[in-house]
Amino acid sequence: MNRPLPSDDALRSLHAQSLQALSPATLVRLRSARHSARTAHAGRWRWWLASACSLVIALGIGIQFVGPGDHQGPITTPIVAAEEDNGVLYDENPDLYLWLGDNDLAME
């Protein structure tokens, strides 16, 4: 099953023999197919280039619309409102603070 691979020279001579066995009409069809494949492949890079250029231009225009001063930061609440909410803490029972001061377990 494991046959050794033929050498490069053997493959070239086999290819030359097979080309001599083909009819001229078949060779013409093969050449035209090879030529059309080359031209179809050669035009693809133009589409990729056009798409990439369009993307770069669109990004450039988009960056111009969004200037450095157009960004709005998060809305912050005033500090005064936070100070007013802390007033609730002082309305608690003063006996709690006396108990905390006298109790050694609360300090641990």
C-alpha atoms as a PDB file:
ATOM      1  CA  MET A   1       0.000   0.000   0.000  1.00  0.00           C
ATOM      2  CA  ASN A   2       2.767   2.451   0.776  1.00  0.00           C
ATOM      3  CA  ARG A   3       4.321   3.096  -2.596  1.00  0.00           C
ATOM      4  CA  PRO A   4       7.136   5.602  -2.838  1.00  0.00           C
ATOM      5  CA  LEU A   5       6.215   8.905  -4.407  1.00  0.00           C
ATOM      6  CA  PRO A   6       7.532   9.451  -7.945  1.00  0.00           C
ATOM      7  CA  SER A   7      10.320  11.976  -8.409  1.00  0.00           C
ATOM      8  CA  ASP A   8       9.814  15.434  -9.846  1.00  0.00           C
ATOM      9  CA  ASP A   9      11.346  14.473 -13.185  1.00  0.00           C
ATOM     10  CA  ALA A  10       9.013  11.483 -13.481  1.00  0.00           C
ATOM     11  CA  LEU A  11       5.993  13.699 -12.828  1.00  0.00           C
ATOM     12  CA  ARG A  12       7.136  16.241 -15.424  1.00  0.00           C
ATOM     13  CA  SER A  13       7.562  13.569 -18.093  1.00  0.00           C
ATOM     14  CA  LEU A  14       4.144  12.118 -17.242  1.00  0.00           C
ATOM     15  CA  HIS A  15       2.617  15.593 -17.593  1.00  0.00           C
ATOM     16  CA  ALA A  16       4.293  16.109 -20.980  1.00  0.00           C
ATOM     17  CA  GLN A  17       2.959  12.747 -22.216  1.00  0.00           C
ATOM     18  CA  SER A  18      -0.566  13.616 -21.093  1.00  0.00           C
ATOM     19  CA  LEU A  19      -0.437  17.000 -22.870  1.00  0.00           C
ATOM     20  CA  GLN A  20       0.501  15.259 -26.111  1.00  0.00           C
ATOM     21  CA  ALA A  21      -2.498  12.968 -25.735  1.00  0.00           C
ATOM     22  CA  LEU A  22      -4.993  15.861 -25.469  1.00  0.00           C
ATOM     23  CA  SER A  23      -6.785  17.181 -28.530  1.00  0.00           C
ATOM     24  CA  PRO A  24      -6.159  20.785 -29.635  1.00  0.00           C
ATOM     25  CA  ALA A  25      -9.787  21.721 -28.891  1.00  0.00           C
ATOM     26  CA  THR A  26      -9.396  20.557 -25.300  1.00  0.00           C
ATOM     27  CA  LEU A  27      -6.180  22.554 -24.907  1.00  0.00           C
ATOM     28  CA  VAL A  28      -7.942  25.694 -26.182  1.00  0.00           C
ATOM     29  CA  ARG A  29     -10.781  25.205 -23.696  1.00  0.00           C
ATOM     30  CA  LEU A  30      -8.286  24.708 -20.858  1.00  0.00           C
ATOM     31  CA  ARG A  31      -6.350  27.865 -21.812  1.00  0.00           C
ATOM     32  CA  SER A  32      -9.544  29.950 -22.008  1.00  0.00           C
ATOM     33  CA  ALA A  33     -10.726  28.631 -18.647  1.00  0.00           C
ATOM     34  CA  ARG A  34      -7.331  29.454 -17.103  1.00  0.00           C
ATOM     35  CA  HIS A  35      -7.413  32.938 -18.612  1.00  0.00           C
ATOM     36  CA  SER A  36     -10.947  33.655 -17.367  1.00  0.00           C
ATOM     37  CA  ALA A  37     -10.021  32.438 -13.899  1.00  0.00           C
ATOM     38  CA  ARG A  38      -7.057  34.824 -13.821  1.00  0.00           C
ATOM     39  CA  THR A  39      -9.114  37.827 -14.897  1.00  0.00           C
ATOM     40  CA  ALA A  40     -11.893  37.028 -12.426  1.00  0.00           C
ATOM     41  CA  HIS A  41      -9.398  36.716  -9.584  1.00  0.00           C
ATOM     42  CA  ALA A  42      -7.525  39.864 -10.627  1.00  0.00           C
ATOM     43  CA  GLY A  43     -10.676  42.001 -10.342  1.00  0.00           C
ATOM     44  CA  ARG A  44     -11.500  40.956  -6.793  1.00  0.00           C
ATOM     45  CA  TRP A  45      -8.845  43.128  -5.188  1.00  0.00           C
ATOM     46  CA  ARG A  46     -10.506  46.175  -6.697  1.00  0.00           C
ATOM     47  CA  TRP A  47     -13.734  45.429  -4.850  1.00  0.00           C
ATOM     48  CA  TRP A  48     -11.856  44.905  -1.597  1.00  0.00           C
ATOM     49  CA  LEU A  49      -9.953  48.155  -2.089  1.00  0.00           C
ATOM     50  CA  ALA A  50     -13.136  50.083  -2.879  1.00  0.00           C
ATOM     51  CA  SER A  51     -14.843  48.662   0.225  1.00  0.00           C
ATOM     52  CA  ALA A  52     -11.886  49.477   2.469  1.00  0.00           C
ATOM     53  CA  CYS A  53     -11.649  53.031   1.129  1.00  0.00           C
ATOM     54  CA  SER A  54     -15.375  53.546   1.665  1.00  0.00           C
ATOM     55  CA  LEU A  55     -15.036  52.346   5.247  1.00  0.00           C
ATOM     56  CA  VAL A  56     -12.129  54.707   5.942  1.00  0.00           C
ATOM     57  CA  ILE A  57     -13.992  57.662   4.472  1.00  0.00           C
ATOM     58  CA  ALA A  58     -17.157  56.851   6.445  1.00  0.00           C
ATOM     59  CA  LEU A  59     -15.161  56.605   9.673  1.00  0.00           C
ATOM     60  CA  GLY A  60     -13.444  59.901   8.946  1.00  0.00           C
ATOM     61  CA  ILE A  61     -16.762  61.643   8.377  1.00  0.00           C
ATOM     62  CA  GLY A  62     -18.226  60.077  11.506  1.00  0.00           C
ATOM     63  CA  ILE A  63     -15.308  61.236  13.625  1.00  0.00           C
ATOM     64  CA  GLN A  64     -15.769  64.785  12.340  1.00  0.00           C
ATOM     65  CA  PHE A  65     -19.400  64.792  13.468  1.00  0.00           C
ATOM     66  CA  VAL A  66     -18.502  63.641  16.954  1.00  0.00           C
ATOM     67  CA  GLY A  67     -16.195  66.369  18.194  1.00  0.00           C
ATOM     68  CA  PRO A  68     -14.337  66.431  21.504  1.00  0.00           C
ATOM     69  CA  GLY A  69     -16.971  68.690  23.126  1.00  0.00           C
ATOM     70  CA  ASP A  70     -19.979  66.636  22.044  1.00  0.00           C
ATOM     71  CA  HIS A  71     -19.584  63.909  24.642  1.00  0.00           C
ATOM     72  CA  GLN A  72     -21.932  64.248  27.582  1.00  0.00           C
ATOM     73  CA  GLY A  73     -20.765  62.718  30.806  1.00  0.00           C
ATOM     74  CA  PRO A  74     -22.970  60.959  33.321  1.00  0.00           C
ATOM     75  CA  ILE A  75     -25.440  63.119  35.172  1.00  0.00           C
ATOM     76  CA  THR A  76     -24.279  63.672  38.741  1.00  0.00           C
ATOM     77  CA  THR A  77     -26.516  64.407  41.675  1.00  0.00           C
ATOM     78  CA  PRO A  78     -25.720  67.525  43.651  1.00  0.00           C
ATOM     79  CA  ILE A  79     -23.734  67.099  46.849  1.00  0.00           C
ATOM     80  CA  VAL A  80     -26.311  69.160  48.747  1.00  0.00           C
ATOM     81  CA  ALA A  81     -28.907  66.415  48.282  1.00  0.00           C
ATOM     82  CA  ALA A  82     -26.533  63.844  49.777  1.00  0.00           C
ATOM     83  CA  GLU A  83     -25.993  66.021  52.870  1.00  0.00           C
ATOM     84  CA  GLU A  84     -29.719  66.406  53.403  1.00  0.00           C
ATOM     85  CA  ASP A  85     -30.208  62.608  53.422  1.00  0.00           C
ATOM     86  CA  ASN A  86     -27.688  62.194  56.266  1.00  0.00           C
ATOM     87  CA  GLY A  87     -29.990  64.150  58.594  1.00  0.00           C
ATOM     88  CA  VAL A  88     -32.084  60.999  59.072  1.00  0.00           C
ATOM     89  CA  LEU A  89     -29.219  59.294  60.926  1.00  0.00           C
ATOM     90  CA  TYR A  90     -29.402  61.812  63.772  1.00  0.00           C
ATOM     91  CA  ASP A  91     -33.086  61.095  64.422  1.00  0.00           C
ATOM     92  CA  GLU A  92     -32.362  57.655  65.886  1.00  0.00           C
ATOM     93  CA  ASN A  93     -32.865  56.715  69.511  1.00  0.00           C
ATOM     94  CA  PRO A  94     -30.092  58.162  71.744  1.00  0.00           C
ATOM     95  CA  ASP A  95     -30.370  55.154  74.075  1.00  0.00           C
ATOM     96  CA  LEU A  96     -28.730  53.051  71.370  1.00  0.00           C
ATOM     97  CA  TYR A  97     -25.595  55.158  71.589  1.00  0.00           C
ATOM     98  CA  LEU A  98     -25.566  54.910  75.377  1.00  0.00           C
ATOM     99  CA  TRP A  99     -25.856  51.147  75.144  1.00  0.00           C
ATOM    100  CA  LEU A 100     -23.039  50.996  72.568  1.00  0.00           C
ATOM    101  CA  GLY A 101     -20.783  53.071  74.809  1.00  0.00           C
ATOM    102  CA  ASP A 102     -21.429  50.982  77.926  1.00  0.00           C
ATOM    103  CA  ASN A 103     -21.426  47.550  76.328  1.00  0.00           C
ATOM    104  CA  ASP A 104     -18.027  45.907  75.794  1.00  0.00           C
ATOM    105  CA  LEU A 105     -19.474  43.357  73.363  1.00  0.00           C
ATOM    106  CA  ALA A 106     -20.492  46.073  70.930  1.00  0.00           C
ATOM    107  CA  MET A 107     -16.895  47.291  70.720  1.00  0.00           C
ATOM    108  CA  GLU A 108     -15.482  43.930  69.638  1.00  0.00           C
END
